[in-house]
C-alpha atoms as a PDB file:
ATOM      1  CA  MET A   1       0.000   0.000   0.000  1.00  0.00           C
ATOM      2  CA  THR A   2       1.235   3.372  -0.961  1.00  0.00           C
ATOM      3  CA  PRO A   3       1.424   6.148   1.563  1.00  0.00           C
ATOM      4  CA  SER A   4      -1.379   8.097  -0.124  1.00  0.00           C
ATOM      5  CA  GLU A   5      -3.650   5.019  -0.112  1.00  0.00           C
ATOM      6  CA  ARG A   6      -2.795   4.417   3.475  1.00  0.00           C
ATOM      7  CA  ALA A   7      -3.545   8.050   4.392  1.00  0.00           C
ATOM      8  CA  SER A   8      -6.830   7.816   2.503  1.00  0.00           C
ATOM      9  CA  SER A   9      -7.754   4.618   4.364  1.00  0.00           C
ATOM     10  CA  ILE A  10      -6.908   6.210   7.728  1.00  0.00           C
ATOM     11  CA  ARG A  11      -8.927   9.317   6.794  1.00  0.00           C
ATOM     12  CA  ASP A  12     -11.938   7.143   5.862  1.00  0.00           C
ATOM     13  CA  ASN A  13     -11.591   5.233   9.161  1.00  0.00           C
ATOM     14  CA  LEU A  14     -11.448   8.468  11.125  1.00  0.00           C
ATOM     15  CA  ASN A  15     -14.479   9.867   9.287  1.00  0.00           C
ATOM     16  CA  ALA A  16     -16.480   6.683  10.002  1.00  0.00           C
ATOM     17  CA  ARG A  17     -15.502   6.784  13.652  1.00  0.00           C
ATOM     18  CA  SER A  18     -16.251  10.476  14.020  1.00  0.00           C
ATOM     19  CA  SER A  19     -19.692  10.056  12.426  1.00  0.00           C
ATOM     20  CA  GLY A  20     -20.407   7.176  14.842  1.00  0.00           C
ATOM     21  CA  VAL A  21     -19.249   9.246  17.796  1.00  0.00           C
ATOM     22  CA  ARG A  22     -21.368  12.184  16.579  1.00  0.00           C
ATOM     23  CA  SER A  23     -24.451   9.979  16.195  1.00  0.00           C
ATOM     24  CA  ARG A  24     -23.965   8.497  19.689  1.00  0.00           C
ATOM     25  CA  LEU A  25     -23.502  11.981  21.163  1.00  0.00           C
ATOM     26  CA  ALA A  26     -26.619  13.223  19.364  1.00  0.00           C
ATOM     27  CA  ALA A  27     -28.628  10.213  20.635  1.00  0.00           C
ATOM     28  CA  ARG A  28     -27.355  10.800  24.171  1.00  0.00           C
ATOM     29  CA  ALA A  29     -28.216  14.511  24.017  1.00  0.00           C
ATOM     30  CA  GLN A  30     -31.686  13.597  22.720  1.00  0.00           C
ATOM     31  CA  ARG A  31     -32.223  11.145  25.609  1.00  0.00           C
ATOM     32  CA  LEU A  32     -31.042  13.753  28.143  1.00  0.00           C
ATOM     33  CA  SER A  33     -33.346  16.426  26.738  1.00  0.00           C
ATOM     34  CA  GLU A  34     -36.315  14.017  26.737  1.00  0.00           C
ATOM     35  CA  GLY A  35     -35.573  13.017  30.366  1.00  0.00           C
ATOM     36  CA  LEU A  36     -35.234  16.656  31.383  1.00  0.00           C
ATOM     37  CA  THR A  37     -38.518  17.517  29.684  1.00  0.00           C
ATOM     38  CA  ARG A  38     -40.237  14.566  31.387  1.00  0.00           C
ATOM     39  CA  ASP A  39     -38.830  15.506  34.809  1.00  0.00           C
ATOM     40  CA  LEU A  40     -39.796  19.156  34.453  1.00  0.00           C
ATOM     41  CA  SER A  41     -43.318  18.298  33.365  1.00  0.00           C
ATOM     42  CA  ALA A  42     -43.643  16.011  36.403  1.00  0.00           C
ATOM     43  CA  ILE A  43     -42.593  18.873  38.683  1.00  0.00           C
ATOM     44  CA  ILE A  44     -44.561  21.631  37.001  1.00  0.00           C
ATOM     45  CA  GLN A  45     -48.208  20.724  36.958  1.00  0.00           C
ATOM     46  CA  PRO A  46     -50.754  22.997  35.368  1.00  0.00           C
ATOM     47  CA  GLU A  47     -52.428  25.086  38.068  1.00  0.00           C
ATOM     48  CA  ARG A  48     -55.833  23.842  38.970  1.00  0.00           C
ATOM     49  CA  ASP A  49     -58.598  26.160  40.017  1.00  0.00           C
ATOM     50  CA  GLN A  50     -58.920  26.170  43.779  1.00  0.00           C
ATOM     51  CA  PRO A  51     -62.281  24.939  45.021  1.00  0.00           C
ATOM     52  CA  THR A  52     -64.419  27.665  46.535  1.00  0.00           C
ATOM     53  CA  LEU A  53     -66.589  27.337  49.605  1.00  0.00           C
ATOM     54  CA  SER A  54     -70.286  27.717  49.251  1.00  0.00           C
ATOM     55  CA  ARG A  55     -71.800  30.845  50.756  1.00  0.00           C
ATOM     56  CA  GLU A  56     -73.533  30.341  54.113  1.00  0.00           C
ATOM     57  CA  GLU A  57     -76.671  32.204  54.995  1.00  0.00           C
ATOM     58  CA  PRO A  58     -76.440  34.293  58.201  1.00  0.00           C
ATOM     59  CA  ARG A  59     -78.159  32.593  61.116  1.00  0.00           C
ATOM     60  CA  GLY A  60     -78.374  35.384  63.668  1.00  0.00           C
ATOM     61  CA  GLY A  61     -76.952  35.617  67.163  1.00  0.00           C
ATOM     62  CA  ILE A  62     -76.637  32.973  69.825  1.00  0.00           C
ATOM     63  CA  PRO A  63     -79.591  33.030  72.180  1.00  0.00           C
ATOM     64  CA  SER A  64     -78.824  34.004  75.763  1.00  0.00           C
ATOM     65  CA  SER A  65     -78.732  31.235  78.344  1.00  0.00           C
ATOM     66  CA  ARG A  66     -77.538  30.701  81.878  1.00  0.00           C
ATOM     67  CA  GLY A  67     -73.943  29.538  82.205  1.00  0.00           C
ATOM     68  CA  TYR A  68     -72.764  26.558  84.197  1.00  0.00           C
ATOM     69  CA  SER A  69     -69.537  24.823  85.086  1.00  0.00           C
ATOM     70  CA  GLN A  70     -68.604  21.270  85.845  1.00  0.00           C
ATOM     71  CA  HIS A  71     -66.376  20.420  88.792  1.00  0.00           C
ATOM     72  CA  ASN A  72     -64.197  17.356  89.004  1.00  0.00           C
ATOM     73  CA  TYR A  73     -64.150  16.645  92.722  1.00  0.00           C
ATOM     74  CA  GLN A  74     -61.958  13.819  93.933  1.00  0.00           C
ATOM     75  CA  PRO A  75     -63.800  12.034  96.745  1.00  0.00           C
ATOM     76  CA  GLY A  76     -61.885  11.571  99.986  1.00  0.00           C
ATOM     77  CA  SER A  77     -58.978  13.809  98.987  1.00  0.00           C
ATOM     78  CA  SER A  78     -59.345  16.247 101.909  1.00  0.00           C
ATOM     79  CA  THR A  79     -61.590  17.002 104.834  1.00  0.00           C
ATOM     80  CA  GLY A  80     -61.753  20.784 104.305  1.00  0.00           C
ATOM     81  CA  THR A  81     -62.566  22.897 101.303  1.00  0.00           C
ATOM     82  CA  GLY A  82     -58.965  22.833 100.070  1.00  0.00           C
ATOM     83  CA  GLY A  83     -58.435  26.561 100.630  1.00  0.00           C
ATOM     84  CA  ILE A  84     -59.521  29.456 102.767  1.00  0.00           C
ATOM     85  CA  ALA A  85     -63.238  29.289 103.457  1.00  0.00           C
ATOM     86  CA  GLY A  86     -64.945  32.646 103.780  1.00  0.00           C
ATOM     87  CA  PRO A  87     -65.920  34.630 105.665  1.00  0.00           C
ATOM     88  CA  LEU A  88     -62.732  35.508 107.503  1.00  0.00           C
ATOM     89  CA  THR A  89     -63.251  36.807 111.035  1.00  0.00           C
ATOM     90  CA  GLU A  90     -60.898  38.438 113.485  1.00  0.00           C
ATOM     91  CA  GLU A  91     -61.613  36.948 116.906  1.00  0.00           C
ATOM     92  CA  ASP A  92     -58.858  38.698 118.904  1.00  0.00           C
ATOM     93  CA  PHE A  93     -58.123  42.343 118.093  1.00  0.00           C
ATOM     94  CA  SER A  94     -55.148  42.318 120.467  1.00  0.00           C
ATOM     95  CA  ALA A  95     -53.363  39.707 118.308  1.00  0.00           C
ATOM     96  CA  ARG A  96     -52.599  42.405 115.724  1.00  0.00           C
ATOM     97  CA  GLU A  97     -49.010  43.590 115.289  1.00  0.00           C
ATOM     98  CA  TYR A  98     -48.143  47.086 114.037  1.00  0.00           C
ATOM     99  CA  TYR A  99     -45.251  48.880 112.346  1.00  0.00           C
ATOM    100  CA  ASP A 100     -44.162  52.271 113.682  1.00  0.00           C
ATOM    101  CA  PRO A 101     -46.997  54.747 113.119  1.00  0.00           C
ATOM    102  CA  MET A 102     -46.816  56.999 110.086  1.00  0.00           C
ATOM    103  CA  LEU A 103     -47.159  60.707 110.834  1.00  0.00           C
ATOM    104  CA  SER A 104     -49.317  62.960 108.695  1.00  0.00           C
ATOM    105  CA  SER A 105     -47.542  65.657 106.689  1.00  0.00           C
ATOM    106  CA  ASP A 106     -48.326  68.301 109.317  1.00  0.00           C
ATOM    107  CA  GLY A 107     -47.361  65.990 112.205  1.00  0.00           C
ATOM    108  CA  LEU A 108     -50.740  66.224 113.922  1.00  0.00           C
ATOM    109  CA  PHE A 109     -51.878  62.645 113.302  1.00  0.00           C
ATOM    110  CA  ALA A 110     -50.208  59.294 113.867  1.00  0.00           C
ATOM    111  CA  ILE A 111     -51.613  56.689 111.467  1.00  0.00           C
ATOM    112  CA  PRO A 112     -51.242  53.078 112.652  1.00  0.00           C
ATOM    113  CA  GLN A 113     -49.812  50.597 110.120  1.00  0.00           C
ATOM    114  CA  ILE A 114     -50.893  46.971 110.500  1.00  0.00           C
ATOM    115  CA  LYS A 115     -48.058  44.432 110.244  1.00  0.00           C
ATOM    116  CA  LYS A 116     -49.832  41.159 111.048  1.00  0.00           C
ATOM    117  CA  MET A 117     -53.446  40.009 111.571  1.00  0.00           C
ATOM    118  CA  VAL A 118     -54.616  36.595 112.750  1.00  0.00           C
ATOM    119  CA  LEU A 119     -58.005  35.575 111.329  1.00  0.00           C
ATOM    120  CA  LYS A 120     -60.199  32.452 111.417  1.00  0.00           C
ATOM    121  CA  ASP A 121     -61.943  31.084 108.344  1.00  0.00           C
ATOM    122  CA  ALA A 122     -65.367  29.381 108.207  1.00  0.00           C
ATOM    123  CA  ASP A 123     -63.741  25.948 108.809  1.00  0.00           C
ATOM    124  CA  GLY A 124     -62.122  27.229 112.027  1.00  0.00           C
ATOM    125  CA  LEU A 125     -58.603  27.233 110.585  1.00  0.00           C
ATOM    126  CA  GLU A 126     -56.189  30.037 111.423  1.00  0.00           C
ATOM    127  CA  VAL A 127     -55.237  32.406 108.580  1.00  0.00           C
ATOM    128  CA  VAL A 128     -52.274  34.750 109.118  1.00  0.00           C
ATOM    129  CA  VAL A 129     -52.123  37.924 107.007  1.00  0.00           C
ATOM    130  CA  GLU A 130     -48.709  39.613 106.979  1.00  0.00           C
ATOM    131  CA  LEU A 131     -48.597  43.050 105.336  1.00  0.00           C
ATOM    132  CA  ALA A 132     -45.537  44.853 103.942  1.00  0.00           C
ATOM    133  CA  ASP A 133     -44.016  47.841 105.692  1.00  0.00           C
ATOM    134  CA  PRO A 134     -45.177  50.946 103.754  1.00  0.00           C
ATOM    135  CA  ALA A 135     -42.134  52.904 104.934  1.00  0.00           C
ATOM    136  CA  ALA A 136     -39.709  50.341 103.449  1.00  0.00           C
ATOM    137  CA  PRO A 137     -38.320  50.928  99.910  1.00  0.00           C
ATOM    138  CA  ALA A 138     -40.285  49.080  97.229  1.00  0.00           C
ATOM    139  CA  GLY A 139     -38.913  45.630  96.344  1.00  0.00           C
ATOM    140  CA  GLY A 140     -36.125  45.613  98.912  1.00  0.00           C
ATOM    141  CA  GLU A 141     -35.131  45.255 102.528  1.00  0.00           C
ATOM    142  CA  PRO A 142     -35.514  48.271 104.887  1.00  0.00           C
END
């Protein structure tokens, strides 16, 4: 084989190969574009009209009625009411304790300030009421 025949044969081989490679690349690109189109159409759905609610006719107000509540009492849990039972009564006035009296702005009156009161509730239990010192700074110790 002469060099020109050989070169021609190689050129023909290369052309055949390149056309095969081109056709495979074109087929692959076609498959990719079809897959992309299919995937995008699966993601993007045409918008559907949202269902609307039917219109309700006005019914008017709620009629007035007496309220009630339900209590969940646990039987046998305590003997008393579970808290302070009213009314509270002070049986011994002398049991009161006082802070130093507060003087009026002109100094003519001394106003007593109750510190502690001992009361009895309706169940006969003792209730102690301790009041803050009005002369002390707010939120702190005197």
